[in-house]
């Protein structure tokens, strides 16, 4: 142990590489979604373009968050496209197409590191709640529901989401630190 500071840095890097957190997201595998959901993801841009902008603003902010704070954040982000709603539709459509492409690739994967799924109890964005329930059941990943939170649970209940993340990192870091120290000492 000639470089104790260096070993501590290695330990921290290893700890950060050994965990997975999903916030209001979904697995990227076809078995979780219907063909219609994937089809709609691929066609979001033209749908967004014909949707009246003011109605899309209301639906976007109200559909993603439950609290006034969360809704205001979403509306503020969307309002940056107020002068060019078609650009918003283009960017959103691009994101949804990339998501559909990833899902259609249907790559096999298994999360073998410590993981945590976080989802708002009132998530109304597509089928995110259903996806998280299935992901939890099929893979056995821990799932934490955030009360009084929608799809952007980190804006609706930031203190609770941060608490869960900090707790998870502390648990993973503690396990990784113990494992890393054993590995480093064994290699020495």
Protein backbone atom coordinates (compact mmCIF):
# COMPACT_ATOMS: atom_id res chain seq x y z
CA UNK A 1 0.00 0.00 0.00
CA UNK A 2 2.39 2.60 -1.25
CA UNK A 3 -0.35 4.89 -2.65
CA UNK A 4 -3.34 4.99 -0.27
CA UNK A 5 -4.89 8.01 -2.03
CA UNK A 6 -4.60 6.25 -5.36
CA UNK A 7 -6.29 3.13 -3.96
CA UNK A 8 -9.17 5.24 -2.65
CA UNK A 9 -9.66 6.76 -6.11
CA UNK A 10 -9.69 3.29 -7.69
CA UNK A 11 -12.25 2.15 -5.13
CA UNK A 12 -14.55 5.09 -5.88
CA UNK A 13 -14.31 4.44 -9.64
CA UNK A 14 -15.18 0.78 -9.17
CA UNK A 15 -18.10 1.65 -6.95
CA UNK A 16 -19.60 3.96 -9.54
CA UNK A 17 -19.31 1.31 -12.25
CA UNK A 18 -21.33 -1.26 -10.32
CA UNK A 19 -24.86 0.08 -10.22
CA UNK A 20 -27.89 0.91 -12.35
CA UNK A 21 -30.72 3.33 -11.57
CA UNK A 22 -33.78 3.85 -13.77
CA UNK A 23 -36.06 6.82 -13.09
CA UNK A 24 -39.47 6.70 -14.79
CA UNK A 25 -38.01 4.70 -17.64
CA UNK A 26 -38.58 1.29 -19.19
CA UNK A 27 -36.67 -1.76 -20.38
CA UNK A 28 -35.62 -1.69 -24.04
CA UNK A 29 -37.01 -5.07 -25.02
CA UNK A 30 -39.93 -5.90 -27.31
CA UNK A 31 -41.54 -8.32 -24.89
CA UNK A 32 -42.60 -5.41 -22.66
CA UNK A 33 -44.40 -3.46 -25.39
CA UNK A 34 -47.10 -3.97 -27.92
CA UNK A 35 -46.54 -3.63 -31.65
CA UNK A 36 -48.94 -0.64 -31.59
CA UNK A 37 -46.86 1.15 -28.93
CA UNK A 38 -43.71 0.73 -31.02
CA UNK A 39 -45.58 1.83 -34.16
CA UNK A 40 -46.77 4.99 -32.38
CA UNK A 41 -43.27 5.77 -31.11
CA UNK A 42 -42.02 5.68 -34.68
CA UNK A 43 -44.74 8.12 -35.76
CA UNK A 44 -44.68 10.64 -32.92
CA UNK A 45 -43.29 13.51 -35.00
CA UNK A 46 -46.21 13.86 -37.45
CA UNK A 47 -48.67 13.43 -34.58
CA UNK A 48 -46.94 16.18 -32.59
CA UNK A 49 -46.92 18.44 -35.67
CA UNK A 50 -50.70 18.28 -36.12
CA UNK A 51 -51.43 18.60 -32.38
CA UNK A 52 -52.34 22.23 -31.58
CA UNK A 53 -49.34 23.78 -29.80
CA UNK A 54 -51.26 25.23 -26.82
CA UNK A 55 -52.98 21.89 -26.24
CA UNK A 56 -49.63 20.08 -26.51
CA UNK A 57 -48.18 22.46 -23.90
CA UNK A 58 -51.02 21.63 -21.50
CA UNK A 59 -50.80 17.90 -22.20
CA UNK A 60 -47.01 17.86 -21.92
CA UNK A 61 -46.78 19.71 -18.63
CA UNK A 62 -49.85 18.07 -17.08
CA UNK A 63 -48.96 14.60 -18.34
CA UNK A 64 -45.39 14.55 -17.07
CA UNK A 65 -45.73 15.99 -13.61
CA UNK A 66 -48.18 16.14 -10.72
CA UNK A 67 -46.86 19.12 -8.79
CA UNK A 68 -47.05 22.73 -9.88
CA UNK A 69 -43.26 22.91 -9.68
CA UNK A 70 -42.79 19.89 -11.98
CA UNK A 71 -45.44 21.11 -14.42
CA UNK A 72 -43.84 24.56 -14.55
CA UNK A 73 -40.43 23.05 -15.31
CA UNK A 74 -41.86 21.02 -18.18
CA UNK A 75 -43.78 23.99 -19.53
CA UNK A 76 -40.69 26.20 -19.33
CA UNK A 77 -38.68 23.64 -21.30
CA UNK A 78 -41.43 23.30 -23.90
CA UNK A 79 -41.89 27.08 -24.15
CA UNK A 80 -38.32 27.40 -25.39
CA UNK A 81 -39.84 26.01 -28.63
CA UNK A 82 -42.83 28.39 -28.62
CA UNK A 83 -41.52 30.23 -31.69
CA UNK A 84 -40.98 26.93 -33.53
CA UNK A 85 -43.29 24.12 -32.36
CA UNK A 86 -42.30 22.07 -35.41
CA UNK A 87 -38.74 21.94 -34.06
CA UNK A 88 -40.11 20.55 -30.79
CA UNK A 89 -42.06 17.94 -32.78
CA UNK A 90 -38.93 17.09 -34.78
CA UNK A 91 -36.76 16.64 -31.68
CA UNK A 92 -39.40 14.69 -29.76
CA UNK A 93 -40.05 12.55 -32.82
CA UNK A 94 -36.34 11.85 -33.21
CA UNK A 95 -36.09 10.76 -29.57
CA UNK A 96 -39.11 8.48 -29.87
CA UNK A 97 -37.80 6.96 -33.12
CA UNK A 98 -34.46 6.21 -31.45
CA UNK A 99 -36.33 4.61 -28.56
CA UNK A 100 -38.37 2.50 -31.00
CA UNK A 101 -35.20 1.50 -32.84
CA UNK A 102 -33.55 0.37 -29.61
CA UNK A 103 -36.65 -1.61 -28.63
CA UNK A 104 -36.94 -3.23 -32.07
CA UNK A 105 -33.27 -4.31 -31.89
CA UNK A 106 -34.43 -6.44 -28.95
CA UNK A 107 -30.92 -6.97 -27.69
CA UNK A 108 -30.65 -9.55 -24.93
CA UNK A 109 -29.39 -8.09 -21.74
CA UNK A 110 -29.49 -8.85 -18.09
CA UNK A 111 -28.69 -6.29 -15.43
CA UNK A 112 -26.23 -8.18 -13.28
CA UNK A 113 -25.13 -5.27 -11.10
CA UNK A 114 -27.12 -3.80 -8.19
CA UNK A 115 -30.12 -1.95 -9.63
CA UNK A 116 -32.98 0.28 -8.57
CA UNK A 117 -36.13 1.16 -10.48
CA UNK A 118 -37.88 4.38 -9.47
CA UNK A 119 -41.32 5.31 -10.79
CA UNK A 120 -43.97 7.89 -9.92
CA UNK A 121 -47.19 6.35 -8.60
CA UNK A 122 -49.16 8.69 -10.87
CA UNK A 123 -47.01 8.27 -13.99
CA UNK A 124 -49.28 8.82 -17.00
CA UNK A 125 -46.61 8.80 -19.73
CA UNK A 126 -47.54 5.96 -22.02
CA UNK A 127 -47.29 2.67 -20.18
CA UNK A 128 -44.29 3.49 -17.98
CA UNK A 129 -46.00 2.23 -14.81
CA UNK A 130 -46.90 -1.07 -16.46
CA UNK A 131 -43.39 -1.48 -17.90
CA UNK A 132 -41.82 -0.92 -14.48
CA UNK A 133 -44.17 -3.42 -12.81
CA UNK A 134 -43.32 -6.05 -15.42
CA UNK A 135 -39.58 -5.23 -15.25
CA UNK A 136 -39.66 -5.62 -11.48
CA UNK A 137 -41.58 -8.91 -11.69
CA UNK A 138 -39.60 -10.50 -14.52
CA UNK A 139 -36.10 -9.44 -13.47
CA UNK A 140 -36.55 -9.19 -9.72
CA UNK A 141 -35.19 -5.63 -9.71
CA UNK A 142 -36.18 -3.54 -6.69
CA UNK A 143 -38.90 -1.01 -7.53
CA UNK A 144 -39.63 2.08 -5.45
CA UNK A 145 -42.87 3.97 -6.07
CA UNK A 146 -42.80 7.71 -5.50
CA UNK A 147 -46.01 9.05 -3.96
CA UNK A 148 -47.60 12.17 -5.44
CA UNK A 149 -45.31 11.97 -8.46
CA UNK A 150 -45.88 11.62 -12.18
CA UNK A 151 -43.53 10.68 -15.00
CA UNK A 152 -40.95 13.24 -13.89
CA UNK A 153 -40.86 11.97 -10.33
CA UNK A 154 -37.52 13.65 -9.75
CA UNK A 155 -39.17 17.07 -10.30
CA UNK A 156 -42.33 16.22 -8.37
CA UNK A 157 -40.58 14.72 -5.35
CA UNK A 158 -36.87 15.58 -5.68
CA UNK A 159 -36.04 15.05 -2.00
CA UNK A 160 -37.48 11.53 -2.00
CA UNK A 161 -35.84 10.57 -5.30
CA UNK A 162 -32.49 11.97 -4.12
CA UNK A 163 -32.84 10.13 -0.80
CA UNK A 164 -33.39 6.83 -2.63
CA UNK A 165 -30.44 7.46 -4.95
CA UNK A 166 -28.13 8.41 -2.09
CA UNK A 167 -29.20 5.34 -0.12
CA UNK A 168 -28.65 3.09 -3.15
CA UNK A 169 -25.22 4.57 -3.89
CA UNK A 170 -24.26 4.21 -0.24
CA UNK A 171 -25.27 0.55 -0.25
CA UNK A 172 -23.53 -0.16 -3.57
CA UNK A 173 -20.49 1.87 -2.57
CA UNK A 174 -20.24 0.00 0.73
CA UNK A 175 -20.40 -3.38 -0.99
CA UNK A 176 -18.02 -2.31 -3.77
CA UNK A 177 -15.63 -0.73 -1.29
CA UNK A 178 -15.43 -3.94 0.71
CA UNK A 179 -15.02 -6.03 -2.46
CA UNK A 180 -12.50 -3.60 -3.95
CA UNK A 181 -10.38 -3.54 -0.82
CA UNK A 182 -10.33 -7.33 -0.74
CA UNK A 183 -9.39 -7.46 -4.42
CA UNK A 184 -6.69 -4.82 -4.09
CA UNK A 185 -5.26 -6.41 -0.97
CA UNK A 186 -5.33 -9.84 -2.63
CA UNK A 187 -3.51 -8.48 -5.70
CA UNK A 188 -0.90 -6.69 -3.63
